[in-house]
């Protein structure tokens, strides 16, 4: 079987969320052709929304089993949604009863004929993926951005020709279920502790991230941030496999790399060094976004963009929702929504965007097994106050030493946290929602948390 073909036979689809539904529809369209013989979807939940979805899929020939603890029949292939935990009964039964287990990204890659640009990292994936798509659009390179910020990849690839580029944000959850996945251009931004409750250890998490390089070799490009201790070691390994490695650094020139020289963003190319932007040209804030911009520029150039279009694209790209997103100025205080910051390292990076003024920092939600010690060290140097809220409030507060100048305030939930922040912030300050935690103790996801924050802040301005 070639690298780019999907298996014949029967399929079990685990999870009926956004990507699971897209997989079902893709497979259903191939039932009549005969290669796909049966599709059964399983979800451990059972809700009116899922029942309506299952009824709709049934009309396409997909059987659906809700409230499932295990798959009830063997299948040649299981396609697993990212939200299915590896230790869940549903996943264990799939491993026992299915010949091959893969994720949606693996299936989409095998079904496509397009070159792929794949982006992973603990933090910055979505911004960098969107920015690469923006740069390719500016260069008139046909592309489709897929993943968390676009359509599921499997719903796109059937409509794309071999000349169009798939730009994909890929998580550790998705990468752990890849085998033949082979991006032409890969990007590794950073690896810091996150999702330890899912992967079991930091080492396992890092190994799953590194699967983005597993098939790369001569003719491929890997863009790797070497300032990050977690991602840097992979540069030499990937280079030894024959891929071209572009090392990203804010610390100064790197041979053949993408780097910051003074305030200038430079990418080394076969034709020599190319200035792609000045730091002041970027509308995205913070040191981490300088790194993201360098990585995106290097990836876009490797995927066929020209330098002039990359310069224009870097200048015109604006912050995404929930990622250091400016919300409003109320009584001289500027409020920022960084709800997508769901781990401590992302909070530390966000704080670098506000070194010019005091910050009131909102932290809280559901911890994913992370330590907040380095957040406390950064915040006590910079923050006027820290407001902790949600399920992890007490745990986060324990990381903060008793120091004058950075009081820790407790809040019942996000609404109370915003009120407490506004009571201590002074004109010229920034109030930053950068929670460092998952949102599921109070919200359905980081998007809802950010939307509620926006409404609370804008509501203050209307009073």
Foldseek 3Di string as FASTA:
>chain_A
DDLQADAFWEEEEEDDPQLSLLVLVLLLVCCVVRRYPAYEYEYLADDPVVVVSQVVSVVSRYHYDYNDQADDAAIQEYEYELVDFCPGSHNVRNVVRYNAYAYLLQNLRSNALAAEEEEEEPPDLVVLLVLLVLLCVLQVQAEDEADPVHHHSSNPRVPDDHRYYYRYYDYLSRQVRHDSDAHLEYEYQEQDDDLCVRQVDSVSSLVSRVSNLVPDAANGEYEFELVYPSTNVCQVVSVVRHHHYAYEEAPDDDVQHWYQDPQWTWGQDPVGIDTQEGVVLAQAFFPSVSRSLSSSLNRSVSSPGDSVSSSVSRNPDHDDAQCQDWQDAAQQETEGRNLVQAAQVSLLRVVRRPQPAAEEEEAEAAASPDANLVVQVSCQVGHQEYEYEYDCRVVNVVSHDDDPRYYYHYAHHDLRSVVVSVVRDHRPYYYYYNHNRFHVRPDPGSNVVRVVNSCSVVVSRVD
